[in-house]
Amino acid sequence: MIPTESLEIVRAVAHFRNFTAAAKHLHKVPSAISYTVRKLEERLDVQLFLRDSKRVELTPAGEHFIKHTGQLLADLEELENTTKQLASGWEHEIKIALDNVVNQGMVYDLIRDLQAIRPETHLTINTEVYNGSWDALFHNRCQMVIGAPKQIPDNILSSDRFEWKSMGELNWDLVMAPDHPLAKVDSPINEEMLREYSSICIQDTSRVFRQGYNLLLEDQNLLLMPSFRMAIECLLKGLGVTLLPSHFAQPYIEQELLVRKDVDIPMNDSCYLAWNRETMGNGVRWVIDWLGEENWLNKVWLQHDSNKPMGYHIP
């Protein structure tokens, strides 16, 4: 059987196209890297790399080898993690996705409390946007999502792998800078008025599921940003209009940095705490219990806390 260390060495050489760079990355001497690759080639009776004085290139056999070793190493790591989880009941790693619509300040309390009771558990927290949250859950980029959209994809609904519970109502405000032309309109804003101006939208992070945007009308100019934080900066500079979660918009409205306008567009919304029960161990169960029920989830993650600084809320 080929040692996993040999697989990792060959993958490093393939990545850097250089034995010396691979050795530096793996904290080994170049001669050890060259020896390992040569012995593996002898064992397989194939040439994995074409070598010259400056760099190395994969042969077709080498490309085939690299393509399949990546999944093999990932499977071995997953086997190690699930074996540890089976023995202890706790996941080796907990991966949580925060949807861009939720406050993020409370996550630091979650990290602190988890470290206090289970310091050996690795915690990975990423941010997703719109259907990117469901996409990440379905394709195992995370084990749970805080703030997943109310429109649940059919792939999730038709699978018994997933569970979710409501985080309650999520309110949105149409906002713009005080000197924006729409800020001076007295009547509710309709779609025809909105269509004349740029819509600042947040980029959906979904890789497979259909992507969507928070405010985009047909034939409307689009300004696409990666987060609400950057969208707010664009709003403050008068570069467009957008729908913001009310808990993000409120402090700016109170300081008269943004103007809220009534709009003739349905604004009812909600979101979910969702998780993959197929991979759920004691760690995910602990997090779900720690997060609490609907009223508390709504208060902490979907409402503005005037006692916290403005940056505490916005991702």
C-alpha atoms as a PDB file:
ATOM      1  CA  MET A   1       0.000   0.000   0.000  1.00  0.00           C
ATOM      2  CA  ILE A   2       1.259   3.493  -0.843  1.00  0.00           C
ATOM      3  CA  PRO A   3       1.947   5.561   2.328  1.00  0.00           C
ATOM      4  CA  THR A   4      -0.243   8.652   2.662  1.00  0.00           C
ATOM      5  CA  GLU A   5       2.915  10.733   3.177  1.00  0.00           C
ATOM      6  CA  SER A   6       4.057   9.766  -0.321  1.00  0.00           C
ATOM      7  CA  LEU A   7       0.710  10.877  -1.736  1.00  0.00           C
ATOM      8  CA  GLU A   8       0.995  14.242   0.019  1.00  0.00           C
ATOM      9  CA  ILE A   9       4.561  14.724  -1.239  1.00  0.00           C
ATOM     10  CA  VAL A  10       3.610  13.986  -4.856  1.00  0.00           C
ATOM     11  CA  ARG A  11       0.651  16.368  -4.622  1.00  0.00           C
ATOM     12  CA  ALA A  12       2.911  19.116  -3.235  1.00  0.00           C
ATOM     13  CA  VAL A  13       5.402  18.673  -6.096  1.00  0.00           C
ATOM     14  CA  ALA A  14       2.534  18.759  -8.605  1.00  0.00           C
ATOM     15  CA  HIS A  15       1.182  21.943  -7.034  1.00  0.00           C
ATOM     16  CA  PHE A  16       4.477  23.867  -6.861  1.00  0.00           C
ATOM     17  CA  ARG A  17       6.012  22.333 -10.013  1.00  0.00           C
ATOM     18  CA  ASN A  18       9.281  22.405  -8.114  1.00  0.00           C
ATOM     19  CA  PHE A  19      10.975  19.977  -5.699  1.00  0.00           C
ATOM     20  CA  THR A  20      12.630  22.700  -3.639  1.00  0.00           C
ATOM     21  CA  ALA A  21       9.391  24.661  -3.169  1.00  0.00           C
ATOM     22  CA  ALA A  22       7.545  21.478  -2.233  1.00  0.00           C
ATOM     23  CA  ALA A  23      10.248  20.609   0.284  1.00  0.00           C
ATOM     24  CA  LYS A  24      10.019  24.050   1.862  1.00  0.00           C
ATOM     25  CA  HIS A  25       6.235  23.792   2.095  1.00  0.00           C
ATOM     26  CA  LEU A  26       6.446  20.354   3.762  1.00  0.00           C
ATOM     27  CA  HIS A  27       9.418  21.308   5.990  1.00  0.00           C
ATOM     28  CA  LYS A  28      11.639  18.639   4.446  1.00  0.00           C
ATOM     29  CA  VAL A  29      14.953  18.651   2.574  1.00  0.00           C
ATOM     30  CA  PRO A  30      14.724  18.537  -1.255  1.00  0.00           C
ATOM     31  CA  SER A  31      16.633  15.260  -1.415  1.00  0.00           C
ATOM     32  CA  ALA A  32      13.945  13.548   0.677  1.00  0.00           C
ATOM     33  CA  ILE A  33      11.253  14.815  -1.700  1.00  0.00           C
ATOM     34  CA  SER A  34      13.155  13.626  -4.771  1.00  0.00           C
ATOM     35  CA  TYR A  35      13.832  10.229  -3.190  1.00  0.00           C
ATOM     36  CA  THR A  36      10.160   9.693  -2.268  1.00  0.00           C
ATOM     37  CA  VAL A  37       8.940  10.586  -5.757  1.00  0.00           C
ATOM     38  CA  ARG A  38      11.558   8.387  -7.416  1.00  0.00           C
ATOM     39  CA  LYS A  39      10.747   5.374  -5.201  1.00  0.00           C
ATOM     40  CA  LEU A  40       7.029   5.792  -5.888  1.00  0.00           C
ATOM     41  CA  GLU A  41       7.647   5.946  -9.640  1.00  0.00           C
ATOM     42  CA  GLU A  42       9.728   2.767  -9.380  1.00  0.00           C
ATOM     43  CA  ARG A  43       6.987   1.048  -7.403  1.00  0.00           C
ATOM     44  CA  LEU A  44       4.312   2.019  -9.933  1.00  0.00           C
ATOM     45  CA  ASP A  45       6.686   1.468 -12.867  1.00  0.00           C
ATOM     46  CA  VAL A  46       5.505   4.762 -14.398  1.00  0.00           C
ATOM     47  CA  GLN A  47       6.922   8.256 -14.715  1.00  0.00           C
ATOM     48  CA  LEU A  48       4.777  10.798 -12.840  1.00  0.00           C
ATOM     49  CA  PHE A  49       6.818  13.921 -13.690  1.00  0.00           C
ATOM     50  CA  LEU A  50       8.843  15.311 -16.583  1.00  0.00           C
ATOM     51  CA  ARG A  51      11.861  17.067 -15.079  1.00  0.00           C
ATOM     52  CA  ASP A  52      14.103  19.856 -16.335  1.00  0.00           C
ATOM     53  CA  SER A  53      16.540  22.217 -14.596  1.00  0.00           C
ATOM     54  CA  LYS A  54      13.874  24.741 -13.497  1.00  0.00           C
ATOM     55  CA  ARG A  55      10.549  22.986 -13.006  1.00  0.00           C
ATOM     56  CA  VAL A  56       8.689  19.715 -13.294  1.00  0.00           C
ATOM     57  CA  GLU A  57       5.517  18.901 -15.198  1.00  0.00           C
ATOM     58  CA  LEU A  58       3.022  16.099 -14.754  1.00  0.00           C
ATOM     59  CA  THR A  59       2.899  13.302 -17.294  1.00  0.00           C
ATOM     60  CA  PRO A  60      -0.557  12.004 -18.326  1.00  0.00           C
ATOM     61  CA  ALA A  61      -0.067   9.192 -15.798  1.00  0.00           C
ATOM     62  CA  GLY A  62       0.854  11.801 -13.186  1.00  0.00           C
ATOM     63  CA  GLU A  63      -2.276  13.825 -13.916  1.00  0.00           C
ATOM     64  CA  HIS A  64      -4.389  10.687 -13.466  1.00  0.00           C
ATOM     65  CA  PHE A  65      -2.617   9.929 -10.196  1.00  0.00           C
ATOM     66  CA  ILE A  66      -3.144  13.450  -8.819  1.00  0.00           C
ATOM     67  CA  LYS A  67      -6.798  13.518  -9.863  1.00  0.00           C
ATOM     68  CA  HIS A  68      -7.637  10.421  -7.837  1.00  0.00           C
ATOM     69  CA  THR A  69      -5.363  10.914  -4.817  1.00  0.00           C
ATOM     70  CA  GLY A  70      -7.178  14.109  -3.780  1.00  0.00           C
ATOM     71  CA  GLN A  71     -10.437  12.280  -3.113  1.00  0.00           C
ATOM     72  CA  LEU A  72      -8.552   9.361  -1.561  1.00  0.00           C
ATOM     73  CA  LEU A  73      -6.855  11.615   1.001  1.00  0.00           C
ATOM     74  CA  ALA A  74     -10.141  13.377   1.715  1.00  0.00           C
ATOM     75  CA  ASP A  75     -11.820  10.014   2.306  1.00  0.00           C
ATOM     76  CA  LEU A  76      -9.042   8.949   4.671  1.00  0.00           C
ATOM     77  CA  GLU A  77      -9.388  12.182   6.636  1.00  0.00           C
ATOM     78  CA  GLU A  78     -13.159  11.725   6.806  1.00  0.00           C
ATOM     79  CA  LEU A  79     -12.650   8.140   8.012  1.00  0.00           C
ATOM     80  CA  GLU A  80     -10.330   9.363  10.757  1.00  0.00           C
ATOM     81  CA  ASN A  81     -12.797  12.055  11.840  1.00  0.00           C
ATOM     82  CA  THR A  82     -15.867   9.813  11.828  1.00  0.00           C
ATOM     83  CA  THR A  83     -14.003   7.120  13.760  1.00  0.00           C
ATOM     84  CA  LYS A  84     -13.100   9.645  16.437  1.00  0.00           C
ATOM     85  CA  GLN A  85     -16.694  10.891  16.482  1.00  0.00           C
ATOM     86  CA  LEU A  86     -18.012   7.354  16.895  1.00  0.00           C
ATOM     87  CA  ALA A  87     -15.732   6.783  19.875  1.00  0.00           C
ATOM     88  CA  SER A  88     -16.437  10.064  21.667  1.00  0.00           C
ATOM     89  CA  GLY A  89     -19.834  11.104  20.293  1.00  0.00           C
ATOM     90  CA  TRP A  90     -18.336  14.510  19.416  1.00  0.00           C
ATOM     91  CA  GLU A  91     -17.407  15.673  15.940  1.00  0.00           C
ATOM     92  CA  HIS A  92     -13.737  16.309  15.283  1.00  0.00           C
ATOM     93  CA  GLU A  93     -14.812  19.508  13.479  1.00  0.00           C
ATOM     94  CA  ILE A  94     -18.002  21.569  13.501  1.00  0.00           C
ATOM     95  CA  LYS A  95     -18.612  23.669  10.389  1.00  0.00           C
ATOM     96  CA  ILE A  96     -21.184  26.448  10.696  1.00  0.00           C
ATOM     97  CA  ALA A  97     -22.387  28.796   7.955  1.00  0.00           C
ATOM     98  CA  LEU A  98     -23.730  32.218   8.911  1.00  0.00           C
ATOM     99  CA  ASP A  99     -26.046  33.657   6.305  1.00  0.00           C
ATOM    100  CA  ASN A 100     -25.185  37.258   5.485  1.00  0.00           C
ATOM    101  CA  VAL A 101     -28.558  38.463   6.864  1.00  0.00           C
ATOM    102  CA  VAL A 102     -27.811  37.637  10.526  1.00  0.00           C
ATOM    103  CA  ASN A 103     -26.008  39.604  13.215  1.00  0.00           C
ATOM    104  CA  GLN A 104     -22.593  38.097  13.781  1.00  0.00           C
ATOM    105  CA  GLY A 105     -21.611  39.472  17.169  1.00  0.00           C
ATOM    106  CA  MET A 106     -23.089  36.589  19.188  1.00  0.00           C
ATOM    107  CA  VAL A 107     -20.925  34.044  17.366  1.00  0.00           C
ATOM    108  CA  TYR A 108     -17.963  35.031  19.561  1.00  0.00           C
ATOM    109  CA  ASP A 109     -19.874  33.950  22.668  1.00  0.00           C
ATOM    110  CA  LEU A 110     -20.607  30.645  20.937  1.00  0.00           C
ATOM    111  CA  ILE A 111     -16.901  30.155  20.192  1.00  0.00           C
ATOM    112  CA  ARG A 112     -15.917  30.969  23.786  1.00  0.00           C
ATOM    113  CA  ASP A 113     -18.468  28.616  25.344  1.00  0.00           C
ATOM    114  CA  LEU A 114     -17.651  25.757  22.975  1.00  0.00           C
ATOM    115  CA  GLN A 115     -13.928  26.136  23.646  1.00  0.00           C
ATOM    116  CA  ALA A 116     -14.627  26.057  27.378  1.00  0.00           C
ATOM    117  CA  ILE A 117     -16.330  22.652  27.278  1.00  0.00           C
ATOM    118  CA  ARG A 118     -14.692  21.048  24.230  1.00  0.00           C
ATOM    119  CA  PRO A 119     -11.371  22.737  23.361  1.00  0.00           C
ATOM    120  CA  GLU A 120     -10.245  19.827  21.146  1.00  0.00           C
ATOM    121  CA  THR A 121     -13.146  20.313  18.719  1.00  0.00           C
ATOM    122  CA  HIS A 122     -12.204  22.360  15.673  1.00  0.00           C
ATOM    123  CA  LEU A 123     -14.715  25.075  14.763  1.00  0.00           C
ATOM    124  CA  THR A 124     -14.972  26.500  11.248  1.00  0.00           C
ATOM    125  CA  ILE A 125     -17.322  29.422  10.581  1.00  0.00           C
ATOM    126  CA  ASN A 126     -18.010  30.775   7.096  1.00  0.00           C
ATOM    127  CA  THR A 127     -20.420  33.300   5.636  1.00  0.00           C
ATOM    128  CA  GLU A 128     -22.880  32.402   2.880  1.00  0.00           C
ATOM    129  CA  VAL A 129     -25.416  34.490   0.984  1.00  0.00           C
ATOM    130  CA  TYR A 130     -29.013  33.515   0.027  1.00  0.00           C
ATOM    131  CA  ASN A 131     -29.162  30.091  -1.639  1.00  0.00           C
ATOM    132  CA  GLY A 132     -25.470  29.691  -0.890  1.00  0.00           C
ATOM    133  CA  SER A 133     -26.551  28.734   2.633  1.00  0.00           C
ATOM    134  CA  TRP A 134     -28.714  25.835   1.458  1.00  0.00           C
ATOM    135  CA  ASP A 135     -26.116  24.914  -1.162  1.00  0.00           C
ATOM    136  CA  ALA A 136     -23.381  24.738   1.494  1.00  0.00           C
ATOM    137  CA  LEU A 137     -25.554  22.534   3.727  1.00  0.00           C
ATOM    138  CA  PHE A 138     -26.613  20.184   0.924  1.00  0.00           C
ATOM    139  CA  HIS A 139     -23.070  19.784  -0.442  1.00  0.00           C
ATOM    140  CA  ASN A 140     -21.460  19.277   2.995  1.00  0.00           C
ATOM    141  CA  ARG A 141     -19.508  22.536   3.162  1.00  0.00           C
ATOM    142  CA  CYS A 142     -21.133  22.976   6.562  1.00  0.00           C
ATOM    143  CA  GLN A 143     -23.126  20.954   9.085  1.00  0.00           C
ATOM    144  CA  MET A 144     -25.514  23.740  10.032  1.00  0.00           C
ATOM    145  CA  VAL A 145     -26.674  27.167   8.851  1.00  0.00           C
ATOM    146  CA  ILE A 146     -27.833  30.133  10.889  1.00  0.00           C
ATOM    147  CA  GLY A 147     -30.214  32.285   8.828  1.00  0.00           C
ATOM    148  CA  ALA A 148     -31.022  30.079   5.827  1.00  0.00           C
ATOM    149  CA  PRO A 149     -33.638  31.693   3.485  1.00  0.00           C
ATOM    150  CA  LYS A 150     -37.342  30.850   3.789  1.00  0.00           C
ATOM    151  CA  GLN A 151     -37.464  29.463   0.220  1.00  0.00           C
ATOM    152  CA  ILE A 152     -36.183  25.916   0.764  1.00  0.00           C
ATOM    153  CA  PRO A 153     -34.816  24.218  -2.391  1.00  0.00           C
ATOM    154  CA  ASP A 154     -36.494  21.011  -3.544  1.00  0.00           C
ATOM    155  CA  ASN A 155     -33.231  19.095  -2.999  1.00  0.00           C
ATOM    156  CA  ILE A 156     -33.480  19.899   0.717  1.00  0.00           C
ATOM    157  CA  LEU A 157     -37.232  19.328   1.004  1.00  0.00           C
ATOM    158  CA  SER A 158     -37.073  15.922  -0.671  1.00  0.00           C
ATOM    159  CA  SER A 159     -34.220  14.623   1.505  1.00  0.00           C
ATOM    160  CA  ASP A 160     -34.492  13.165   4.998  1.00  0.00           C
ATOM    161  CA  ARG A 161     -30.931  14.285   5.781  1.00  0.00           C
ATOM    162  CA  PHE A 162     -31.955  17.754   6.915  1.00  0.00           C
ATOM    163  CA  GLU A 163     -33.930  19.431   9.686  1.00  0.00           C
ATOM    164  CA  TRP A 164     -34.715  23.081  10.355  1.00  0.00           C
ATOM    165  CA  LYS A 165     -36.631  25.355  12.688  1.00  0.00           C
ATOM    166  CA  SER A 166     -37.883  28.904  12.324  1.00  0.00           C
ATOM    167  CA  MET A 167     -35.873  31.902  13.460  1.00  0.00           C
ATOM    168  CA  GLY A 168     -38.983  34.066  13.173  1.00  0.00           C
ATOM    169  CA  GLU A 169     -39.720  37.152  11.129  1.00  0.00           C
ATOM    170  CA  LEU A 170     -37.058  38.942   9.127  1.00  0.00           C
ATOM    171  CA  ASN A 171     -37.924  42.542   8.208  1.00  0.00           C
ATOM    172  CA  TRP A 172     -36.445  44.515   5.317  1.00  0.00           C
ATOM    173  CA  ASP A 173     -36.213  48.265   4.620  1.00  0.00           C
ATOM    174  CA  LEU A 174     -35.810  50.026   1.288  1.00  0.00           C
ATOM    175  CA  VAL A 175     -33.049  52.560   1.969  1.00  0.00           C
ATOM    176  CA  MET A 176     -30.920  55.105   0.169  1.00  0.00           C
ATOM    177  CA  ALA A 177     -28.721  58.122   0.938  1.00  0.00           C
ATOM    178  CA  PRO A 178     -30.515  61.373   1.982  1.00  0.00           C
ATOM    179  CA  ASP A 179     -29.449  63.096  -1.244  1.00  0.00           C
ATOM    180  CA  HIS A 180     -30.621  60.263  -3.508  1.00  0.00           C
ATOM    181  CA  PRO A 181     -33.502  61.364  -5.823  1.00  0.00           C
ATOM    182  CA  LEU A 182     -35.855  58.708  -4.394  1.00  0.00           C
ATOM    183  CA  ALA A 183     -35.307  60.036  -0.858  1.00  0.00           C
ATOM    184  CA  LYS A 184     -37.329  63.143  -1.817  1.00  0.00           C
ATOM    185  CA  VAL A 185     -40.359  61.231  -3.128  1.00  0.00           C
ATOM    186  CA  ASP A 186     -43.367  61.553  -0.794  1.00  0.00           C
ATOM    187  CA  SER A 187     -45.433  58.618  -2.061  1.00  0.00           C
ATOM    188  CA  PRO A 188     -44.558  54.917  -1.638  1.00  0.00           C
ATOM    189  CA  ILE A 189     -41.892  53.802  -4.097  1.00  0.00           C
ATOM    190  CA  ASN A 190     -43.118  51.524  -6.876  1.00  0.00           C
ATOM    191  CA  GLU A 191     -41.246  49.289  -9.294  1.00  0.00           C
ATOM    192  CA  GLU A 192     -41.251  51.842 -12.104  1.00  0.00           C
ATOM    193  CA  MET A 193     -39.509  54.381  -9.872  1.00  0.00           C
ATOM    194  CA  LEU A 194     -36.960  51.831  -8.675  1.00  0.00           C
ATOM    195  CA  ARG A 195     -36.140  50.666 -12.182  1.00  0.00           C
ATOM    196  CA  GLU A 196     -34.581  54.047 -13.004  1.00  0.00           C
ATOM    197  CA  TYR A 197     -31.788  53.627 -10.433  1.00  0.00           C
ATOM    198  CA  SER A 198     -29.050  51.125  -9.690  1.00  0.00           C
ATOM    199  CA  SER A 199     -29.955  48.267  -7.384  1.00  0.00           C
ATOM    200  CA  ILE A 200     -27.199  47.300  -4.961  1.00  0.00           C
ATOM    201  CA  CYS A 201     -27.386  43.517  -4.584  1.00  0.00           C
ATOM    202  CA  ILE A 202     -25.416  40.963  -2.606  1.00  0.00           C
ATOM    203  CA  GLN A 203     -23.715  38.184  -4.562  1.00  0.00           C
ATOM    204  CA  ASP A 204     -25.349  34.823  -3.931  1.00  0.00           C
ATOM    205  CA  THR A 205     -22.643  32.325  -2.919  1.00  0.00           C
ATOM    206  CA  SER A 206     -24.468  29.265  -4.254  1.00  0.00           C
ATOM    207  CA  ARG A 207     -22.243  27.073  -6.410  1.00  0.00           C
ATOM    208  CA  VAL A 208     -24.896  24.655  -7.694  1.00  0.00           C
ATOM    209  CA  PHE A 209     -28.368  25.814  -6.645  1.00  0.00           C
ATOM    210  CA  ARG A 210     -30.085  28.654  -8.513  1.00  0.00           C
ATOM    211  CA  GLN A 211     -28.807  32.064  -7.434  1.00  0.00           C
ATOM    212  CA  GLY A 212     -30.993  35.002  -6.407  1.00  0.00           C
ATOM    213  CA  TYR A 213     -30.739  38.650  -5.366  1.00  0.00           C
ATOM    214  CA  ASN A 214     -32.453  40.757  -2.707  1.00  0.00           C
ATOM    215  CA  LEU A 215     -33.629  43.575  -5.010  1.00  0.00           C
ATOM    216  CA  LEU A 216     -33.390  43.281  -8.771  1.00  0.00           C
ATOM    217  CA  LEU A 217     -36.099  44.220 -11.253  1.00  0.00           C
ATOM    218  CA  GLU A 218     -36.180  43.468 -14.948  1.00  0.00           C
ATOM    219  CA  ASP A 219     -33.995  45.873 -16.961  1.00  0.00           C
ATOM    220  CA  GLN A 220     -32.616  47.438 -13.781  1.00  0.00           C
ATOM    221  CA  ASN A 221     -28.934  48.354 -13.530  1.00  0.00           C
ATOM    222  CA  LEU A 222     -27.140  46.052 -11.099  1.00  0.00           C
ATOM    223  CA  LEU A 223     -24.323  46.870  -8.681  1.00  0.00           C
ATOM    224  CA  LEU A 224     -23.209  43.548  -7.195  1.00  0.00           C
ATOM    225  CA  MET A 225     -21.355  43.485  -3.853  1.00  0.00           C
ATOM    226  CA  PRO A 226     -20.023  40.613  -1.715  1.00  0.00           C
ATOM    227  CA  SER A 227     -21.571  41.675   1.617  1.00  0.00           C
ATOM    228  CA  PHE A 228     -24.072  44.000   3.279  1.00  0.00           C
ATOM    229  CA  ARG A 229     -21.171  45.900   4.825  1.00  0.00           C
ATOM    230  CA  MET A 230     -19.917  46.915   1.381  1.00  0.00           C
ATOM    231  CA  ALA A 231     -23.472  47.501   0.151  1.00  0.00           C
ATOM    232  CA  ILE A 232     -23.991  49.986   2.983  1.00  0.00           C
ATOM    233  CA  GLU A 233     -20.800  51.816   2.024  1.00  0.00           C
ATOM    234  CA  CYS A 234     -22.185  52.134  -1.512  1.00  0.00           C
ATOM    235  CA  LEU A 235     -25.505  53.395  -0.128  1.00  0.00           C
ATOM    236  CA  LEU A 236     -23.783  56.033   1.972  1.00  0.00           C
ATOM    237  CA  LYS A 237     -21.998  57.268  -1.153  1.00  0.00           C
ATOM    238  CA  GLY A 238     -25.288  57.541  -3.060  1.00  0.00           C
ATOM    239  CA  LEU A 239     -24.424  54.809  -5.556  1.00  0.00           C
ATOM    240  CA  GLY A 240     -27.832  53.130  -5.570  1.00  0.00           C
ATOM    241  CA  VAL A 241     -30.682  51.778  -3.471  1.00  0.00           C
ATOM    242  CA  THR A 242     -31.278  48.418  -1.839  1.00  0.00           C
ATOM    243  CA  LEU A 243     -33.316  46.397   0.608  1.00  0.00           C
ATOM    244  CA  LEU A 244     -31.439  45.982   3.885  1.00  0.00           C
ATOM    245  CA  PRO A 245     -32.412  43.761   6.804  1.00  0.00           C
ATOM    246  CA  SER A 246     -34.036  46.184   9.252  1.00  0.00           C
ATOM    247  CA  HIS A 247     -31.571  45.346  12.018  1.00  0.00           C
ATOM    248  CA  PHE A 248     -28.736  46.550   9.757  1.00  0.00           C
ATOM    249  CA  ALA A 249     -30.563  49.627   8.461  1.00  0.00           C
ATOM    250  CA  GLN A 250     -31.968  50.919  11.774  1.00  0.00           C
ATOM    251  CA  PRO A 251     -28.829  52.522  13.268  1.00  0.00           C
ATOM    252  CA  TYR A 252     -28.071  54.337   9.998  1.00  0.00           C
ATOM    253  CA  ILE A 253     -31.656  55.567   9.767  1.00  0.00           C
ATOM    254  CA  GLU A 254     -31.552  56.799  13.372  1.00  0.00           C
ATOM    255  CA  GLN A 255     -28.381  58.783  12.611  1.00  0.00           C
ATOM    256  CA  GLU A 256     -29.981  60.123   9.405  1.00  0.00           C
ATOM    257  CA  LEU A 257     -27.223  58.603   7.306  1.00  0.00           C
ATOM    258  CA  LEU A 258     -29.818  56.602   5.332  1.00  0.00           C
ATOM    259  CA  VAL A 259     -33.464  57.242   4.500  1.00  0.00           C
ATOM    260  CA  ARG A 260     -36.128  54.551   4.686  1.00  0.00           C
ATOM    261  CA  LYS A 261     -38.972  54.680   2.152  1.00  0.00           C
ATOM    262  CA  ASP A 262     -42.227  52.764   1.918  1.00  0.00           C
ATOM    263  CA  VAL A 263     -42.309  50.460  -1.074  1.00  0.00           C
ATOM    264  CA  ASP A 264     -45.045  48.690  -3.041  1.00  0.00           C
ATOM    265  CA  ILE A 265     -43.223  45.332  -2.954  1.00  0.00           C
ATOM    266  CA  PRO A 266     -44.078  42.419  -0.609  1.00  0.00           C
ATOM    267  CA  MET A 267     -41.618  42.499   2.296  1.00  0.00           C
ATOM    268  CA  ASN A 268     -42.688  39.554   4.468  1.00  0.00           C
ATOM    269  CA  ASP A 269     -39.775  37.242   5.117  1.00  0.00           C
ATOM    270  CA  SER A 270     -38.355  34.732   7.561  1.00  0.00           C
ATOM    271  CA  CYS A 271     -35.382  32.437   7.865  1.00  0.00           C
ATOM    272  CA  TYR A 272     -34.275  29.178   9.439  1.00  0.00           C
ATOM    273  CA  LEU A 273     -31.727  27.471  11.608  1.00  0.00           C
ATOM    274  CA  ALA A 274     -30.977  24.314   9.603  1.00  0.00           C
ATOM    275  CA  TRP A 275     -28.674  21.333  10.052  1.00  0.00           C
ATOM    276  CA  ASN A 276     -27.637  18.004   8.560  1.00  0.00           C
ATOM    277  CA  ARG A 277     -28.903  15.365  10.963  1.00  0.00           C
ATOM    278  CA  GLU A 278     -27.080  12.581   9.082  1.00  0.00           C
ATOM    279  CA  THR A 279     -23.687  13.863  10.311  1.00  0.00           C
ATOM    280  CA  MET A 280     -24.920  15.299  13.602  1.00  0.00           C
ATOM    281  CA  GLY A 281     -22.995  14.350  16.722  1.00  0.00           C
ATOM    282  CA  ASN A 282     -22.916  15.695  20.253  1.00  0.00           C
ATOM    283  CA  GLY A 283     -21.218  18.897  19.100  1.00  0.00           C
ATOM    284  CA  VAL A 284     -23.923  19.992  16.669  1.00  0.00           C
ATOM    285  CA  ARG A 285     -26.579  18.983  19.203  1.00  0.00           C
ATOM    286  CA  TRP A 286     -24.840  21.150  21.803  1.00  0.00           C
ATOM    287  CA  VAL A 287     -24.743  24.127  19.392  1.00  0.00           C
ATOM    288  CA  ILE A 288     -28.444  23.756  18.562  1.00  0.00           C
ATOM    289  CA  ASP A 289     -29.313  23.721  22.288  1.00  0.00           C
ATOM    290  CA  TRP A 290     -27.004  26.690  22.903  1.00  0.00           C
ATOM    291  CA  LEU A 291     -28.673  28.720  20.146  1.00  0.00           C
ATOM    292  CA  GLY A 292     -32.112  28.302  21.729  1.00  0.00           C
ATOM    293  CA  GLU A 293     -35.636  28.553  20.389  1.00  0.00           C
ATOM    294  CA  GLU A 294     -37.393  30.866  17.917  1.00  0.00           C
ATOM    295  CA  ASN A 295     -37.940  33.946  20.121  1.00  0.00           C
ATOM    296  CA  TRP A 296     -34.343  33.997  21.323  1.00  0.00           C
ATOM    297  CA  LEU A 297     -32.961  33.213  17.859  1.00  0.00           C
ATOM    298  CA  ASN A 298     -34.934  36.139  16.468  1.00  0.00           C
ATOM    299  CA  LYS A 299     -33.857  38.565  19.187  1.00  0.00           C
ATOM    300  CA  VAL A 300     -30.164  37.717  18.976  1.00  0.00           C
ATOM    301  CA  TRP A 301     -29.617  37.188  15.260  1.00  0.00           C
ATOM    302  CA  LEU A 302     -32.344  39.223  13.502  1.00  0.00           C
ATOM    303  CA  GLN A 303     -32.886  42.347  15.624  1.00  0.00           C
ATOM    304  CA  HIS A 304     -30.845  45.462  16.297  1.00  0.00           C
ATOM    305  CA  ASP A 305     -29.418  45.872  19.798  1.00  0.00           C
ATOM    306  CA  SER A 306     -28.948  49.574  20.528  1.00  0.00           C
ATOM    307  CA  ASN A 307     -26.524  48.687  23.347  1.00  0.00           C
ATOM    308  CA  LYS A 308     -24.064  47.183  20.875  1.00  0.00           C
ATOM    309  CA  PRO A 309     -21.811  49.212  18.553  1.00  0.00           C
ATOM    310  CA  MET A 310     -22.981  49.502  14.957  1.00  0.00           C
ATOM    311  CA  GLY A 311     -20.284  47.242  13.550  1.00  0.00           C
ATOM    312  CA  TYR A 312     -21.322  44.456  15.919  1.00  0.00           C
ATOM    313  CA  HIS A 313     -24.250  43.584  13.687  1.00  0.00           C
ATOM    314  CA  ILE A 314     -23.149  43.886  10.103  1.00  0.00           C
ATOM    315  CA  PRO A 315     -21.258  41.078   8.326  1.00  0.00           C
END
